Amino acid sequence: MRKLEEPAPVFHIRAMEPVDLPAVDALERAAFRNPWSLELMRRELTHEWSTIYLAEEADAAGGKRLLGFMVFWLVHDEVHVLNVAVAPAQRRRGVGRALLQAALERGRRHRCVLATLEARRSNAAALGLYKSFGFREVGVRPNYYADDGEDAIVMVADL
């Protein structure tokens, strides 16, 4: 018997606002061993080329629960992904996919022709996600991650 495909989850994607900083900071700290500082995240909100998208869903009390976020830049004809974080309890639900899709769509609307990012060599889940969007490996940045010296895989996708 064939398993029917479940519909992709629908998350509410919106731009981050300063009032979201505490929740985003908490998620960043839960998601990474070496998180971005609150001040760095605050500065990203001030740059005209930087966008932070949040993925949310309704909670049982009728409010919104933050599931993940993505920081990306639109510079000339390029989307550059800087940070993707999904709450540990929310992983493998399509949150990262929904955020990446939204960022790439925004890039296409702004006539971007290329998307770039770096990902940890050991992050198989992220590398698989990026490859599913057409990203290809184009290089390595040795010892890129300061916390443990891990290499970063440089990836590019045509939009």
C-alpha atoms as a PDB file:
ATOM      1  CA  MET A   1       0.000   0.000   0.000  1.00  0.00           C
ATOM      2  CA  ARG A   2       1.382   3.380  -1.036  1.00  0.00           C
ATOM      3  CA  LYS A   3       1.685   6.125   1.542  1.00  0.00           C
ATOM      4  CA  LEU A   4      -0.067   9.294   0.481  1.00  0.00           C
ATOM      5  CA  GLU A   5       2.111  12.366   0.500  1.00  0.00           C
ATOM      6  CA  GLU A   6       1.222  14.785   3.245  1.00  0.00           C
ATOM      7  CA  PRO A   7       0.784  18.400   2.188  1.00  0.00           C
ATOM      8  CA  ALA A   8       3.717  20.657   2.945  1.00  0.00           C
ATOM      9  CA  PRO A   9       3.213  22.584   6.180  1.00  0.00           C
ATOM     10  CA  VAL A  10       2.311  26.227   5.830  1.00  0.00           C
ATOM     11  CA  PHE A  11       4.183  28.608   8.052  1.00  0.00           C
ATOM     12  CA  HIS A  12       3.663  32.330   8.391  1.00  0.00           C
ATOM     13  CA  ILE A  13       6.800  34.052   7.069  1.00  0.00           C
ATOM     14  CA  ARG A  14       7.329  37.701   7.948  1.00  0.00           C
ATOM     15  CA  ALA A  15      10.092  40.260   8.339  1.00  0.00           C
ATOM     16  CA  MET A  16      11.598  40.576  11.785  1.00  0.00           C
ATOM     17  CA  GLU A  17      10.966  43.715  13.823  1.00  0.00           C
ATOM     18  CA  PRO A  18      12.999  45.053  16.779  1.00  0.00           C
ATOM     19  CA  VAL A  19      10.362  43.769  19.218  1.00  0.00           C
ATOM     20  CA  ASP A  20      11.251  40.214  18.064  1.00  0.00           C
ATOM     21  CA  LEU A  21      14.877  40.467  19.229  1.00  0.00           C
ATOM     22  CA  PRO A  22      14.471  38.601  22.554  1.00  0.00           C
ATOM     23  CA  ALA A  23      12.702  35.629  20.949  1.00  0.00           C
ATOM     24  CA  VAL A  24      15.157  35.491  18.038  1.00  0.00           C
ATOM     25  CA  ASP A  25      18.113  35.700  20.422  1.00  0.00           C
ATOM     26  CA  ALA A  26      16.706  32.837  22.514  1.00  0.00           C
ATOM     27  CA  LEU A  27      16.192  30.682  19.411  1.00  0.00           C
ATOM     28  CA  GLU A  28      19.717  31.501  18.155  1.00  0.00           C
ATOM     29  CA  ARG A  29      21.181  30.403  21.492  1.00  0.00           C
ATOM     30  CA  ALA A  30      19.160  27.173  21.462  1.00  0.00           C
ATOM     31  CA  ALA A  31      20.118  26.367  17.869  1.00  0.00           C
ATOM     32  CA  PHE A  32      23.898  26.970  17.874  1.00  0.00           C
ATOM     33  CA  ARG A  33      26.949  26.273  20.042  1.00  0.00           C
ATOM     34  CA  ASN A  34      28.480  29.593  18.978  1.00  0.00           C
ATOM     35  CA  PRO A  35      25.476  31.927  18.520  1.00  0.00           C
ATOM     36  CA  TRP A  36      25.430  35.396  17.059  1.00  0.00           C
ATOM     37  CA  SER A  37      25.342  38.134  19.673  1.00  0.00           C
ATOM     38  CA  LEU A  38      22.212  40.132  20.354  1.00  0.00           C
ATOM     39  CA  GLU A  39      24.077  43.254  19.227  1.00  0.00           C
ATOM     40  CA  LEU A  40      25.032  41.668  15.880  1.00  0.00           C
ATOM     41  CA  MET A  41      21.399  40.691  15.276  1.00  0.00           C
ATOM     42  CA  ARG A  42      20.270  44.203  16.245  1.00  0.00           C
ATOM     43  CA  ARG A  43      22.723  45.711  13.717  1.00  0.00           C
ATOM     44  CA  GLU A  44      21.395  43.458  10.946  1.00  0.00           C
ATOM     45  CA  LEU A  45      18.016  45.122  11.432  1.00  0.00           C
ATOM     46  CA  THR A  46      19.542  48.516  10.574  1.00  0.00           C
ATOM     47  CA  HIS A  47      21.161  47.634   7.240  1.00  0.00           C
ATOM     48  CA  GLU A  48      19.028  48.346   4.178  1.00  0.00           C
ATOM     49  CA  TRP A  49      20.526  45.350   2.351  1.00  0.00           C
ATOM     50  CA  SER A  50      19.816  42.917   5.207  1.00  0.00           C
ATOM     51  CA  THR A  51      16.563  41.034   5.786  1.00  0.00           C
ATOM     52  CA  ILE A  52      15.619  38.722   8.618  1.00  0.00           C
ATOM     53  CA  TYR A  53      12.620  36.507   7.966  1.00  0.00           C
ATOM     54  CA  LEU A  54      10.792  34.730  10.768  1.00  0.00           C
ATOM     55  CA  ALA A  55       8.804  31.512  10.419  1.00  0.00           C
ATOM     56  CA  GLU A  56       5.907  31.242  12.836  1.00  0.00           C
ATOM     57  CA  GLU A  57       2.804  29.174  13.446  1.00  0.00           C
ATOM     58  CA  ALA A  58      -0.202  29.602  15.687  1.00  0.00           C
ATOM     59  CA  ASP A  59       0.137  28.206  19.184  1.00  0.00           C
ATOM     60  CA  ALA A  60      -2.588  26.666  21.354  1.00  0.00           C
ATOM     61  CA  ALA A  61      -3.298  30.006  23.060  1.00  0.00           C
ATOM     62  CA  GLY A  62      -4.009  31.726  19.741  1.00  0.00           C
ATOM     63  CA  GLY A  63      -0.661  33.534  19.626  1.00  0.00           C
ATOM     64  CA  LYS A  64       2.346  32.881  17.418  1.00  0.00           C
ATOM     65  CA  ARG A  65       5.249  30.522  18.100  1.00  0.00           C
ATOM     66  CA  LEU A  66       8.647  31.315  16.551  1.00  0.00           C
ATOM     67  CA  LEU A  67       9.941  28.244  14.707  1.00  0.00           C
ATOM     68  CA  GLY A  68      12.968  29.622  12.926  1.00  0.00           C
ATOM     69  CA  PHE A  69      14.567  32.559  11.181  1.00  0.00           C
ATOM     70  CA  MET A  70      16.890  33.394   8.311  1.00  0.00           C
ATOM     71  CA  VAL A  71      19.253  36.322   7.815  1.00  0.00           C
ATOM     72  CA  PHE A  72      20.094  37.177   4.222  1.00  0.00           C
ATOM     73  CA  TRP A  73      21.453  40.064   2.192  1.00  0.00           C
ATOM     74  CA  LEU A  74      20.355  41.380  -1.180  1.00  0.00           C
ATOM     75  CA  VAL A  75      23.469  42.929  -2.704  1.00  0.00           C
ATOM     76  CA  HIS A  76      23.349  43.957  -6.357  1.00  0.00           C
ATOM     77  CA  ASP A  77      22.178  40.814  -8.182  1.00  0.00           C
ATOM     78  CA  GLU A  78      22.910  38.339  -5.386  1.00  0.00           C
ATOM     79  CA  VAL A  79      21.103  36.791  -2.425  1.00  0.00           C
ATOM     80  CA  HIS A  80      23.651  35.923   0.253  1.00  0.00           C
ATOM     81  CA  VAL A  81      22.400  33.677   3.072  1.00  0.00           C
ATOM     82  CA  LEU A  82      24.189  34.398   6.347  1.00  0.00           C
ATOM     83  CA  ASN A  83      22.288  32.498   9.015  1.00  0.00           C
ATOM     84  CA  VAL A  84      19.486  29.945   9.142  1.00  0.00           C
ATOM     85  CA  ALA A  85      18.246  28.795  12.546  1.00  0.00           C
ATOM     86  CA  VAL A  86      15.406  26.431  13.386  1.00  0.00           C
ATOM     87  CA  ALA A  87      14.345  25.666  16.949  1.00  0.00           C
ATOM     88  CA  PRO A  88      15.689  22.199  17.813  1.00  0.00           C
ATOM     89  CA  ALA A  89      12.191  20.860  18.587  1.00  0.00           C
ATOM     90  CA  GLN A  90      10.892  22.125  15.232  1.00  0.00           C
ATOM     91  CA  ARG A  91      13.517  20.592  12.928  1.00  0.00           C
ATOM     92  CA  ARG A  92      12.609  18.223  10.079  1.00  0.00           C
ATOM     93  CA  ARG A  93       9.241  19.967   9.580  1.00  0.00           C
ATOM     94  CA  GLY A  94      10.132  22.088   6.551  1.00  0.00           C
ATOM     95  CA  VAL A  95      10.794  25.326   8.449  1.00  0.00           C
ATOM     96  CA  GLY A  96      14.216  25.865   6.886  1.00  0.00           C
ATOM     97  CA  ARG A  97      12.806  24.989   3.464  1.00  0.00           C
ATOM     98  CA  ALA A  98      10.000  27.552   3.840  1.00  0.00           C
ATOM     99  CA  LEU A  99      12.446  30.274   4.915  1.00  0.00           C
ATOM    100  CA  LEU A 100      14.882  29.544   2.091  1.00  0.00           C
ATOM    101  CA  GLN A 101      12.052  29.490  -0.453  1.00  0.00           C
ATOM    102  CA  ALA A 102      10.832  32.892   0.764  1.00  0.00           C
ATOM    103  CA  ALA A 103      14.324  34.411   0.635  1.00  0.00           C
ATOM    104  CA  LEU A 104      15.009  33.123  -2.883  1.00  0.00           C
ATOM    105  CA  GLU A 105      11.606  34.358  -4.080  1.00  0.00           C
ATOM    106  CA  ARG A 106      12.402  37.806  -2.694  1.00  0.00           C
ATOM    107  CA  GLY A 107      15.736  37.709  -4.492  1.00  0.00           C
ATOM    108  CA  ARG A 108      14.049  36.827  -7.784  1.00  0.00           C
ATOM    109  CA  ARG A 109      11.595  39.732  -7.333  1.00  0.00           C
ATOM    110  CA  HIS A 110      14.633  42.010  -6.946  1.00  0.00           C
ATOM    111  CA  ARG A 111      16.147  40.569 -10.137  1.00  0.00           C
ATOM    112  CA  CYS A 112      18.889  38.645  -8.368  1.00  0.00           C
ATOM    113  CA  VAL A 113      20.500  36.008 -10.554  1.00  0.00           C
ATOM    114  CA  LEU A 114      22.651  34.217  -7.987  1.00  0.00           C
ATOM    115  CA  ALA A 115      22.404  32.934  -4.407  1.00  0.00           C
ATOM    116  CA  THR A 116      25.433  32.151  -2.237  1.00  0.00           C
ATOM    117  CA  LEU A 117      26.066  30.726   1.220  1.00  0.00           C
ATOM    118  CA  GLU A 118      28.519  28.851   3.389  1.00  0.00           C
ATOM    119  CA  ALA A 119      27.595  25.744   5.380  1.00  0.00           C
ATOM    120  CA  ARG A 120      29.471  23.565   7.841  1.00  0.00           C
ATOM    121  CA  ARG A 121      31.027  20.551   6.159  1.00  0.00           C
ATOM    122  CA  SER A 122      29.444  18.343   8.866  1.00  0.00           C
ATOM    123  CA  ASN A 123      25.911  19.749   8.493  1.00  0.00           C
ATOM    124  CA  ALA A 124      24.508  17.075   6.212  1.00  0.00           C
ATOM    125  CA  ALA A 125      20.890  18.183   6.732  1.00  0.00           C
ATOM    126  CA  ALA A 126      21.643  21.759   5.639  1.00  0.00           C
ATOM    127  CA  LEU A 127      23.780  20.652   2.696  1.00  0.00           C
ATOM    128  CA  GLY A 128      20.964  18.367   1.534  1.00  0.00           C
ATOM    129  CA  LEU A 129      18.407  21.163   1.830  1.00  0.00           C
ATOM    130  CA  TYR A 130      20.564  23.563  -0.158  1.00  0.00           C
ATOM    131  CA  LYS A 131      21.259  20.976  -2.865  1.00  0.00           C
ATOM    132  CA  SER A 132      17.503  20.373  -3.199  1.00  0.00           C
ATOM    133  CA  PHE A 133      17.194  24.059  -4.188  1.00  0.00           C
ATOM    134  CA  GLY A 134      19.884  23.705  -6.851  1.00  0.00           C
ATOM    135  CA  PHE A 135      22.860  24.917  -4.819  1.00  0.00           C
ATOM    136  CA  ARG A 136      26.141  23.363  -5.871  1.00  0.00           C
ATOM    137  CA  GLU A 137      29.453  23.184  -4.054  1.00  0.00           C
ATOM    138  CA  VAL A 138      32.002  25.571  -5.566  1.00  0.00           C
ATOM    139  CA  GLY A 139      34.708  25.757  -2.927  1.00  0.00           C
ATOM    140  CA  VAL A 140      35.870  25.336   0.633  1.00  0.00           C
ATOM    141  CA  ARG A 141      36.810  27.929   3.232  1.00  0.00           C
ATOM    142  CA  PRO A 142      39.319  26.102   5.461  1.00  0.00           C
ATOM    143  CA  ASN A 143      38.958  26.617   9.228  1.00  0.00           C
ATOM    144  CA  TYR A 144      36.023  28.995   8.636  1.00  0.00           C
ATOM    145  CA  TYR A 145      34.213  28.400  11.913  1.00  0.00           C
ATOM    146  CA  ALA A 146      36.044  30.022  14.830  1.00  0.00           C
ATOM    147  CA  ASP A 147      34.584  27.763  17.527  1.00  0.00           C
ATOM    148  CA  ASP A 148      36.106  24.533  16.241  1.00  0.00           C
ATOM    149  CA  GLY A 149      38.013  25.332  13.033  1.00  0.00           C
ATOM    150  CA  GLU A 150      35.605  23.363  10.854  1.00  0.00           C
ATOM    151  CA  ASP A 151      35.672  24.036   7.119  1.00  0.00           C
ATOM    152  CA  ALA A 152      32.786  25.751   5.353  1.00  0.00           C
ATOM    153  CA  ILE A 153      31.459  24.518   2.043  1.00  0.00           C
ATOM    154  CA  VAL A 154      30.822  27.445  -0.304  1.00  0.00           C
ATOM    155  CA  MET A 155      27.657  26.935  -2.344  1.00  0.00           C
ATOM    156  CA  VAL A 156      26.091  28.818  -5.248  1.00  0.00           C
ATOM    157  CA  ALA A 157      22.741  28.558  -7.006  1.00  0.00           C
ATOM    158  CA  ASP A 158      21.494  30.241 -10.161  1.00  0.00           C
ATOM    159  CA  LEU A 159      18.177  31.976  -9.730  1.00  0.00           C
END
